[in-house]
Amino acid sequence: MTLESILPALAILVLLAAVGFALWTHLRTRRMLDTLDQMLDDATRGDFQESLYDESRLSALETRMAHYLASNAVSARNLAEEKDAIKTL
């Protein structure tokens, strides 16, 4: 095999690898955004439940969002309880 026949094959292989990596990255990001979207929808309806997330670099954002939403739900419950207590007075 000559260098002239190896270079086009190598270029095609590199191009396929780059397209595959771009597709994988896109799908991974899409999955993370879908998860965050679902978490926000659940929080808006008031039925957010924290679940376990792996601690990969991208899911760290999901975990932080879950902690924020959980603490926000606790604050909302405390506020509602305080309003009820004031009403009973």
PDB file of N, CA and C in Angstrom:
ATOM      1  N   MET A   1       0.836  -1.181   0.000  1.00  0.00           N
ATOM      2  CA  MET A   1       0.000   0.000   0.000  1.00  0.00           C
ATOM      3  C   MET A   1       0.879   1.241   0.000  1.00  0.00           C
ATOM      4  N   THR A   2       0.454   2.171  -0.787  1.00  0.00           N
ATOM      5  CA  THR A   2       1.210   3.413  -0.870  1.00  0.00           C
ATOM      6  C   THR A   2       0.577   4.458   0.033  1.00  0.00           C
ATOM      7  N   LEU A   3       1.336   5.495   0.272  1.00  0.00           N
ATOM      8  CA  LEU A   3       0.860   6.592   1.105  1.00  0.00           C
ATOM      9  C   LEU A   3      -0.356   7.260   0.484  1.00  0.00           C
ATOM     10  N   GLU A   4      -0.389   7.311  -0.846  1.00  0.00           N
ATOM     11  CA  GLU A   4      -1.513   7.933  -1.549  1.00  0.00           C
ATOM     12  C   GLU A   4      -2.815   7.167  -1.351  1.00  0.00           C
ATOM     13  N   SER A   5      -2.762   5.891  -1.088  1.00  0.00           N
ATOM     14  CA  SER A   5      -3.977   5.114  -0.873  1.00  0.00           C
ATOM     15  C   SER A   5      -4.372   5.063   0.607  1.00  0.00           C
ATOM     16  N   ILE A   6      -3.423   5.280   1.496  1.00  0.00           N
ATOM     17  CA  ILE A   6      -3.698   5.245   2.930  1.00  0.00           C
ATOM     18  C   ILE A   6      -4.310   6.561   3.411  1.00  0.00           C
ATOM     19  N   LEU A   7      -3.846   7.688   2.877  1.00  0.00           N
ATOM     20  CA  LEU A   7      -4.318   8.992   3.338  1.00  0.00           C
ATOM     21  C   LEU A   7      -5.827   9.198   3.160  1.00  0.00           C
ATOM     22  N   PRO A   8      -6.426   8.883   2.010  1.00  0.00           N
ATOM     23  CA  PRO A   8      -7.890   9.058   1.911  1.00  0.00           C
ATOM     24  C   PRO A   8      -8.664   8.163   2.877  1.00  0.00           C
ATOM     25  N   ALA A   9      -8.196   6.947   3.058  1.00  0.00           N
ATOM     26  CA  ALA A   9      -8.864   6.038   3.984  1.00  0.00           C
ATOM     27  C   ALA A   9      -8.747   6.559   5.417  1.00  0.00           C
ATOM     28  N   LEU A  10      -7.590   7.081   5.759  1.00  0.00           N
ATOM     29  CA  LEU A  10      -7.376   7.641   7.090  1.00  0.00           C
ATOM     30  C   LEU A  10      -8.236   8.889   7.296  1.00  0.00           C
ATOM     31  N   ALA A  11      -8.342   9.720   6.275  1.00  0.00           N
ATOM     32  CA  ALA A  11      -9.172  10.927   6.369  1.00  0.00           C
ATOM     33  C   ALA A  11     -10.647  10.562   6.572  1.00  0.00           C
ATOM     34  N   ILE A  12     -11.115   9.560   5.867  1.00  0.00           N
ATOM     35  CA  ILE A  12     -12.502   9.112   6.022  1.00  0.00           C
ATOM     36  C   ILE A  12     -12.717   8.553   7.421  1.00  0.00           C
ATOM     37  N   LEU A  13     -11.767   7.804   7.931  1.00  0.00           N
ATOM     38  CA  LEU A  13     -11.874   7.252   9.277  1.00  0.00           C
ATOM     39  C   LEU A  13     -11.926   8.353  10.329  1.00  0.00           C
ATOM     40  N   VAL A  14     -11.084   9.360  10.187  1.00  0.00           N
ATOM     41  CA  VAL A  14     -11.081  10.484  11.124  1.00  0.00           C
ATOM     42  C   VAL A  14     -12.392  11.253  11.037  1.00  0.00           C
ATOM     43  N   LEU A  15     -12.907  11.461   9.842  1.00  0.00           N
ATOM     44  CA  LEU A  15     -14.181  12.153   9.661  1.00  0.00           C
ATOM     45  C   LEU A  15     -15.324  11.377  10.316  1.00  0.00           C
ATOM     46  N   LEU A  16     -15.355  10.087  10.138  1.00  0.00           N
ATOM     47  CA  LEU A  16     -16.395   9.262  10.771  1.00  0.00           C
ATOM     48  C   LEU A  16     -16.292   9.303  12.290  1.00  0.00           C
ATOM     49  N   ALA A  17     -15.075   9.291  12.807  1.00  0.00           N
ATOM     50  CA  ALA A  17     -14.886   9.374  14.254  1.00  0.00           C
ATOM     51  C   ALA A  17     -15.376  10.720  14.780  1.00  0.00           C
ATOM     52  N   ALA A  18     -15.090  11.804  14.058  1.00  0.00           N
ATOM     53  CA  ALA A  18     -15.531  13.131  14.486  1.00  0.00           C
ATOM     54  C   ALA A  18     -17.050  13.236  14.461  1.00  0.00           C
ATOM     55  N   VAL A  19     -17.684  12.717  13.432  1.00  0.00           N
ATOM     56  CA  VAL A  19     -19.153  12.735  13.352  1.00  0.00           C
ATOM     57  C   VAL A  19     -19.753  11.892  14.474  1.00  0.00           C
ATOM     58  N   GLY A  20     -19.164  10.749  14.733  1.00  0.00           N
ATOM     59  CA  GLY A  20     -19.654   9.895  15.821  1.00  0.00           C
ATOM     60  C   GLY A  20     -19.534  10.577  17.171  1.00  0.00           C
ATOM     61  N   PHE A  21     -18.427  11.233  17.417  1.00  0.00           N
ATOM     62  CA  PHE A  21     -18.231  11.941  18.677  1.00  0.00           C
ATOM     63  C   PHE A  21     -19.206  13.098  18.815  1.00  0.00           C
ATOM     64  N   ALA A  22     -19.426  13.845  17.738  1.00  0.00           N
ATOM     65  CA  ALA A  22     -20.379  14.962  17.778  1.00  0.00           C
ATOM     66  C   ALA A  22     -21.788  14.458  18.054  1.00  0.00           C
ATOM     67  N   LEU A  23     -22.177  13.367  17.438  1.00  0.00           N
ATOM     68  CA  LEU A  23     -23.504  12.795  17.674  1.00  0.00           C
ATOM     69  C   LEU A  23     -23.653  12.319  19.113  1.00  0.00           C
ATOM     70  N   TRP A  24     -22.640  11.656  19.638  1.00  0.00           N
ATOM     71  CA  TRP A  24     -22.672  11.169  21.020  1.00  0.00           C
ATOM     72  C   TRP A  24     -22.795  12.340  22.000  1.00  0.00           C
ATOM     73  N   THR A  25     -22.018  13.403  21.758  1.00  0.00           N
ATOM     74  CA  THR A  25     -22.072  14.582  22.626  1.00  0.00           C
ATOM     75  C   THR A  25     -23.445  15.237  22.564  1.00  0.00           C
ATOM     76  N   HIS A  26     -24.004  15.340  21.376  1.00  0.00           N
ATOM     77  CA  HIS A  26     -25.330  15.935  21.215  1.00  0.00           C
ATOM     78  C   HIS A  26     -26.390  15.130  21.973  1.00  0.00           C
ATOM     79  N   LEU A  27     -26.364  13.829  21.828  1.00  0.00           N
ATOM     80  CA  LEU A  27     -27.357  12.984  22.508  1.00  0.00           C
ATOM     81  C   LEU A  27     -27.218  13.056  24.017  1.00  0.00           C
ATOM     82  N   ARG A  28     -26.000  13.098  24.498  1.00  0.00           N
ATOM     83  CA  ARG A  28     -25.767  13.179  25.940  1.00  0.00           C
ATOM     84  C   ARG A  28     -26.277  14.512  26.503  1.00  0.00           C
ATOM     85  N   THR A  29     -25.997  15.595  25.802  1.00  0.00           N
ATOM     86  CA  THR A  29     -26.474  16.909  26.227  1.00  0.00           C
ATOM     87  C   THR A  29     -27.984  16.976  26.160  1.00  0.00           C
ATOM     88  N   ARG A  30     -28.564  16.418  25.129  1.00  0.00           N
ATOM     89  CA  ARG A  30     -30.031  16.398  24.984  1.00  0.00           C
ATOM     90  C   ARG A  30     -30.676  15.645  26.136  1.00  0.00           C
ATOM     91  N   ARG A  31     -30.098  14.518  26.529  1.00  0.00           N
ATOM     92  CA  ARG A  31     -30.639  13.732  27.635  1.00  0.00           C
ATOM     93  C   ARG A  31     -30.584  14.524  28.942  1.00  0.00           C
ATOM     94  N   MET A  32     -29.474  15.250  29.161  1.00  0.00           N
ATOM     95  CA  MET A  32     -29.358  16.046  30.372  1.00  0.00           C
ATOM     96  C   MET A  32     -30.393  17.169  30.382  1.00  0.00           C
ATOM     97  N   LEU A  33     -30.565  17.845  29.255  1.00  0.00           N
ATOM     98  CA  LEU A  33     -31.547  18.925  29.188  1.00  0.00           C
ATOM     99  C   LEU A  33     -32.974  18.406  29.345  1.00  0.00           C
ATOM    100  N   ASP A  34     -33.257  17.236  28.794  1.00  0.00           N
ATOM    101  CA  ASP A  34     -34.579  16.637  28.978  1.00  0.00           C
ATOM    102  C   ASP A  34     -34.837  16.322  30.448  1.00  0.00           C
ATOM    103  N   THR A  35     -33.819  15.835  31.136  1.00  0.00           N
ATOM    104  CA  THR A  35     -33.954  15.536  32.560  1.00  0.00           C
ATOM    105  C   THR A  35     -34.204  16.808  33.362  1.00  0.00           C
ATOM    106  N   LEU A  36     -33.437  17.857  33.072  1.00  0.00           N
ATOM    107  CA  LEU A  36     -33.644  19.127  33.766  1.00  0.00           C
ATOM    108  C   LEU A  36     -35.024  19.704  33.479  1.00  0.00           C
ATOM    109  N   ASP A  37     -35.477  19.581  32.254  1.00  0.00           N
ATOM    110  CA  ASP A  37     -36.805  20.056  31.880  1.00  0.00           C
ATOM    111  C   ASP A  37     -37.884  19.310  32.663  1.00  0.00           C
ATOM    112  N   GLN A  38     -37.734  18.004  32.782  1.00  0.00           N
ATOM    113  CA  GLN A  38     -38.697  17.204  33.538  1.00  0.00           C
ATOM    114  C   GLN A  38     -38.681  17.570  35.020  1.00  0.00           C
ATOM    115  N   MET A  39     -37.481  17.822  35.562  1.00  0.00           N
ATOM    116  CA  MET A  39     -37.380  18.211  36.966  1.00  0.00           C
ATOM    117  C   MET A  39     -38.110  19.528  37.211  1.00  0.00           C
ATOM    118  N   LEU A  40     -37.935  20.493  36.306  1.00  0.00           N
ATOM    119  CA  LEU A  40     -38.608  21.785  36.466  1.00  0.00           C
ATOM    120  C   LEU A  40     -40.120  21.654  36.302  1.00  0.00           C
ATOM    121  N   ASP A  41     -40.564  20.814  35.363  1.00  0.00           N
ATOM    122  CA  ASP A  41     -42.005  20.581  35.214  1.00  0.00           C
ATOM    123  C   ASP A  41     -42.589  19.966  36.484  1.00  0.00           C
ATOM    124  N   ASP A  42     -41.905  18.987  37.051  1.00  0.00           N
ATOM    125  CA  ASP A  42     -42.365  18.352  38.287  1.00  0.00           C
ATOM    126  C   ASP A  42     -42.418  19.369  39.423  1.00  0.00           C
ATOM    127  N   ALA A  43     -41.398  20.223  39.508  1.00  0.00           N
ATOM    128  CA  ALA A  43     -41.361  21.232  40.574  1.00  0.00           C
ATOM    129  C   ALA A  43     -42.496  22.232  40.406  1.00  0.00           C
ATOM    130  N   THR A  44     -42.805  22.590  39.179  1.00  0.00           N
ATOM    131  CA  THR A  44     -43.894  23.532  38.924  1.00  0.00           C
ATOM    132  C   THR A  44     -45.230  22.951  39.359  1.00  0.00           C
ATOM    133  N   ARG A  45     -45.413  21.667  39.119  1.00  0.00           N
ATOM    134  CA  ARG A  45     -46.651  20.998  39.542  1.00  0.00           C
ATOM    135  C   ARG A  45     -46.669  20.705  41.040  1.00  0.00           C
ATOM    136  N   GLY A  46     -45.514  20.796  41.685  1.00  0.00           N
ATOM    137  CA  GLY A  46     -45.435  20.557  43.117  1.00  0.00           C
ATOM    138  C   GLY A  46     -45.201  19.107  43.501  1.00  0.00           C
ATOM    139  N   ASP A  47     -44.867  18.256  42.556  1.00  0.00           N
ATOM    140  CA  ASP A  47     -44.637  16.849  42.883  1.00  0.00           C
ATOM    141  C   ASP A  47     -43.220  16.397  42.525  1.00  0.00           C
ATOM    142  N   PHE A  48     -42.238  17.294  42.745  1.00  0.00           N
ATOM    143  CA  PHE A  48     -40.839  16.954  42.490  1.00  0.00           C
ATOM    144  C   PHE A  48     -40.352  15.969  43.529  1.00  0.00           C
ATOM    145  N   GLN A  49     -39.725  14.898  43.091  1.00  0.00           N
ATOM    146  CA  GLN A  49     -39.116  13.908  43.975  1.00  0.00           C
ATOM    147  C   GLN A  49     -37.658  13.767  43.571  1.00  0.00           C
ATOM    148  N   GLU A  50     -36.765  13.965  44.520  1.00  0.00           N
ATOM    149  CA  GLU A  50     -35.342  13.829  44.210  1.00  0.00           C
ATOM    150  C   GLU A  50     -35.017  12.360  44.018  1.00  0.00           C
ATOM    151  N   SER A  51     -34.238  12.081  42.982  1.00  0.00           N
ATOM    152  CA  SER A  51     -33.786  10.711  42.744  1.00  0.00           C
ATOM    153  C   SER A  51     -32.265  10.709  42.678  1.00  0.00           C
ATOM    154  N   LEU A  52     -31.699   9.554  42.536  1.00  0.00           N
ATOM    155  CA  LEU A  52     -30.243   9.426  42.527  1.00  0.00           C
ATOM    156  C   LEU A  52     -29.686   9.769  41.149  1.00  0.00           C
ATOM    157  N   TYR A  53     -28.595  10.490  41.129  1.00  0.00           N
ATOM    158  CA  TYR A  53     -27.909  10.839  39.895  1.00  0.00           C
ATOM    159  C   TYR A  53     -26.454  10.430  40.014  1.00  0.00           C
ATOM    160  N   ASP A  54     -25.880   9.994  38.905  1.00  0.00           N
ATOM    161  CA  ASP A  54     -24.452   9.719  38.939  1.00  0.00           C
ATOM    162  C   ASP A  54     -23.720  11.055  38.970  1.00  0.00           C
ATOM    163  N   GLU A  55     -22.495  11.034  39.385  1.00  0.00           N
ATOM    164  CA  GLU A  55     -21.759  12.278  39.565  1.00  0.00           C
ATOM    165  C   GLU A  55     -20.785  12.528  38.416  1.00  0.00           C
ATOM    166  N   SER A  56     -21.226  12.312  37.198  1.00  0.00           N
ATOM    167  CA  SER A  56     -20.387  12.685  36.068  1.00  0.00           C
ATOM    168  C   SER A  56     -20.363  14.203  35.953  1.00  0.00           C
ATOM    169  N   ARG A  57     -19.521  14.676  35.121  1.00  0.00           N
ATOM    170  CA  ARG A  57     -19.360  16.125  34.992  1.00  0.00           C
ATOM    171  C   ARG A  57     -20.661  16.808  34.585  1.00  0.00           C
ATOM    172  N   LEU A  58     -21.398  16.223  33.651  1.00  0.00           N
ATOM    173  CA  LEU A  58     -22.646  16.834  33.210  1.00  0.00           C
ATOM    174  C   LEU A  58     -23.768  16.682  34.232  1.00  0.00           C
ATOM    175  N   SER A  59     -23.779  15.600  34.958  1.00  0.00           N
ATOM    176  CA  SER A  59     -24.887  15.394  35.889  1.00  0.00           C
ATOM    177  C   SER A  59     -24.714  16.175  37.184  1.00  0.00           C
ATOM    178  N   ALA A  60     -23.576  16.791  37.390  1.00  0.00           N
ATOM    179  CA  ALA A  60     -23.398  17.630  38.574  1.00  0.00           C
ATOM    180  C   ALA A  60     -24.414  18.769  38.564  1.00  0.00           C
ATOM    181  N   LEU A  61     -24.720  19.287  37.391  1.00  0.00           N
ATOM    182  CA  LEU A  61     -25.739  20.323  37.272  1.00  0.00           C
ATOM    183  C   LEU A  61     -27.111  19.783  37.661  1.00  0.00           C
ATOM    184  N   GLU A  62     -27.426  18.559  37.236  1.00  0.00           N
ATOM    185  CA  GLU A  62     -28.696  17.939  37.608  1.00  0.00           C
ATOM    186  C   GLU A  62     -28.808  17.793  39.124  1.00  0.00           C
ATOM    187  N   THR A  63     -27.730  17.390  39.746  1.00  0.00           N
ATOM    188  CA  THR A  63     -27.738  17.213  41.197  1.00  0.00           C
ATOM    189  C   THR A  63     -27.932  18.538  41.911  1.00  0.00           C
ATOM    190  N   ARG A  64     -27.237  19.580  41.455  1.00  0.00           N
ATOM    191  CA  ARG A  64     -27.399  20.896  42.073  1.00  0.00           C
ATOM    192  C   ARG A  64     -28.814  21.416  41.889  1.00  0.00           C
ATOM    193  N   MET A  65     -29.402  21.180  40.710  1.00  0.00           N
ATOM    194  CA  MET A  65     -30.779  21.601  40.459  1.00  0.00           C
ATOM    195  C   MET A  65     -31.732  20.826  41.366  1.00  0.00           C
ATOM    196  N   ALA A  66     -31.487  19.550  41.556  1.00  0.00           N
ATOM    197  CA  ALA A  66     -32.338  18.744  42.429  1.00  0.00           C
ATOM    198  C   ALA A  66     -32.286  19.253  43.861  1.00  0.00           C
ATOM    199  N   HIS A  67     -31.118  19.602  44.344  1.00  0.00           N
ATOM    200  CA  HIS A  67     -30.987  20.126  45.708  1.00  0.00           C
ATOM    201  C   HIS A  67     -31.693  21.472  45.841  1.00  0.00           C
ATOM    202  N   TYR A  68     -31.552  22.313  44.824  1.00  0.00           N
ATOM    203  CA  TYR A  68     -32.232  23.611  44.857  1.00  0.00           C
ATOM    204  C   TYR A  68     -33.745  23.431  44.880  1.00  0.00           C
ATOM    205  N   LEU A  69     -34.253  22.564  44.025  1.00  0.00           N
ATOM    206  CA  LEU A  69     -35.699  22.359  43.965  1.00  0.00           C
ATOM    207  C   LEU A  69     -36.227  21.739  45.255  1.00  0.00           C
ATOM    208  N   ALA A  70     -35.470  20.824  45.843  1.00  0.00           N
ATOM    209  CA  ALA A  70     -35.895  20.223  47.104  1.00  0.00           C
ATOM    210  C   ALA A  70     -35.944  21.268  48.211  1.00  0.00           C
ATOM    211  N   SER A  71     -34.933  22.120  48.288  1.00  0.00           N
ATOM    212  CA  SER A  71     -34.935  23.147  49.334  1.00  0.00           C
ATOM    213  C   SER A  71     -36.024  24.181  49.067  1.00  0.00           C
ATOM    214  N   ASN A  72     -36.297  24.464  47.821  1.00  0.00           N
ATOM    215  CA  ASN A  72     -37.363  25.386  47.468  1.00  0.00           C
ATOM    216  C   ASN A  72     -38.720  24.819  47.878  1.00  0.00           C
ATOM    217  N   ALA A  73     -38.915  23.531  47.698  1.00  0.00           N
ATOM    218  CA  ALA A  73     -40.167  22.893  48.098  1.00  0.00           C
ATOM    219  C   ALA A  73     -40.344  22.959  49.613  1.00  0.00           C
ATOM    220  N   VAL A  74     -39.261  22.760  50.358  1.00  0.00           N
ATOM    221  CA  VAL A  74     -39.324  22.845  51.820  1.00  0.00           C
ATOM    222  C   VAL A  74     -39.683  24.270  52.238  1.00  0.00           C
ATOM    223  N   SER A  75     -39.078  25.247  51.587  1.00  0.00           N
ATOM    224  CA  SER A  75     -39.386  26.645  51.906  1.00  0.00           C
ATOM    225  C   SER A  75     -40.845  26.972  51.619  1.00  0.00           C
ATOM    226  N   ALA A  76     -41.366  26.466  50.531  1.00  0.00           N
ATOM    227  CA  ALA A  76     -42.767  26.716  50.185  1.00  0.00           C
ATOM    228  C   ALA A  76     -43.699  26.076  51.208  1.00  0.00           C
ATOM    229  N   ARG A  77     -43.368  24.873  51.662  1.00  0.00           N
ATOM    230  CA  ARG A  77     -44.199  24.217  52.695  1.00  0.00           C
ATOM    231  C   ARG A  77     -44.143  25.005  53.998  1.00  0.00           C
ATOM    232  N   ASN A  78     -42.946  25.463  54.386  1.00  0.00           N
ATOM    233  CA  ASN A  78     -42.817  26.245  55.620  1.00  0.00           C
ATOM    234  C   ASN A  78     -43.612  27.543  55.531  1.00  0.00           C
ATOM    235  N   LEU A  79     -43.586  28.191  54.386  1.00  0.00           N
ATOM    236  CA  LEU A  79     -44.337  29.421  54.198  1.00  0.00           C
ATOM    237  C   LEU A  79     -45.834  29.159  54.301  1.00  0.00           C
ATOM    238  N   ALA A  80     -46.296  28.084  53.709  1.00  0.00           N
ATOM    239  CA  ALA A  80     -47.719  27.736  53.782  1.00  0.00           C
ATOM    240  C   ALA A  80     -48.126  27.438  55.220  1.00  0.00           C
ATOM    241  N   GLU A  81     -47.277  26.749  55.964  1.00  0.00           N
ATOM    242  CA  GLU A  81     -47.578  26.451  57.363  1.00  0.00           C
ATOM    243  C   GLU A  81     -47.644  27.725  58.195  1.00  0.00           C
ATOM    244  N   GLU A  82     -46.732  28.665  57.926  1.00  0.00           N
ATOM    245  CA  GLU A  82     -46.750  29.935  58.653  1.00  0.00           C
ATOM    246  C   GLU A  82     -48.004  30.730  58.331  1.00  0.00           C
ATOM    247  N   LYS A  83     -48.428  30.726  57.078  1.00  0.00           N
ATOM    248  CA  LYS A  83     -49.664  31.424  56.707  1.00  0.00           C
ATOM    249  C   LYS A  83     -50.866  30.799  57.412  1.00  0.00           C
ATOM    250  N   ASP A  84     -50.895  29.475  57.465  1.00  0.00           N
ATOM    251  CA  ASP A  84     -51.994  28.801  58.171  1.00  0.00           C
ATOM    252  C   ASP A  84     -51.989  29.140  59.650  1.00  0.00           C
ATOM    253  N   ALA A  85     -50.800  29.209  60.247  1.00  0.00           N
ATOM    254  CA  ALA A  85     -50.708  29.547  61.668  1.00  0.00           C
ATOM    255  C   ALA A  85     -51.195  30.969  61.912  1.00  0.00           C
ATOM    256  N   ILE A  86     -50.871  31.874  61.015  1.00  0.00           N
ATOM    257  CA  ILE A  86     -51.321  33.249  61.163  1.00  0.00           C
ATOM    258  C   ILE A  86     -52.839  33.329  61.027  1.00  0.00           C
ATOM    259  N   LYS A  87     -53.409  32.572  60.119  1.00  0.00           N
ATOM    260  CA  LYS A  87     -54.861  32.562  59.922  1.00  0.00           C
ATOM    261  C   LYS A  87     -55.575  32.056  61.159  1.00  0.00           C
ATOM    262  N   THR A  88     -55.009  31.077  61.825  1.00  0.00           N
ATOM    263  CA  THR A  88     -55.665  30.526  63.005  1.00  0.00           C
ATOM    264  C   THR A  88     -55.595  31.461  64.194  1.00  0.00           C
ATOM    265  N   LEU A  89     -54.644  32.383  64.198  1.00  0.00           N
ATOM    266  CA  LEU A  89     -54.563  33.356  65.261  1.00  0.00           C
ATOM    267  C   LEU A  89     -55.665  34.359  65.104  1.00  0.00           C
TER     268      LEU A  89
END
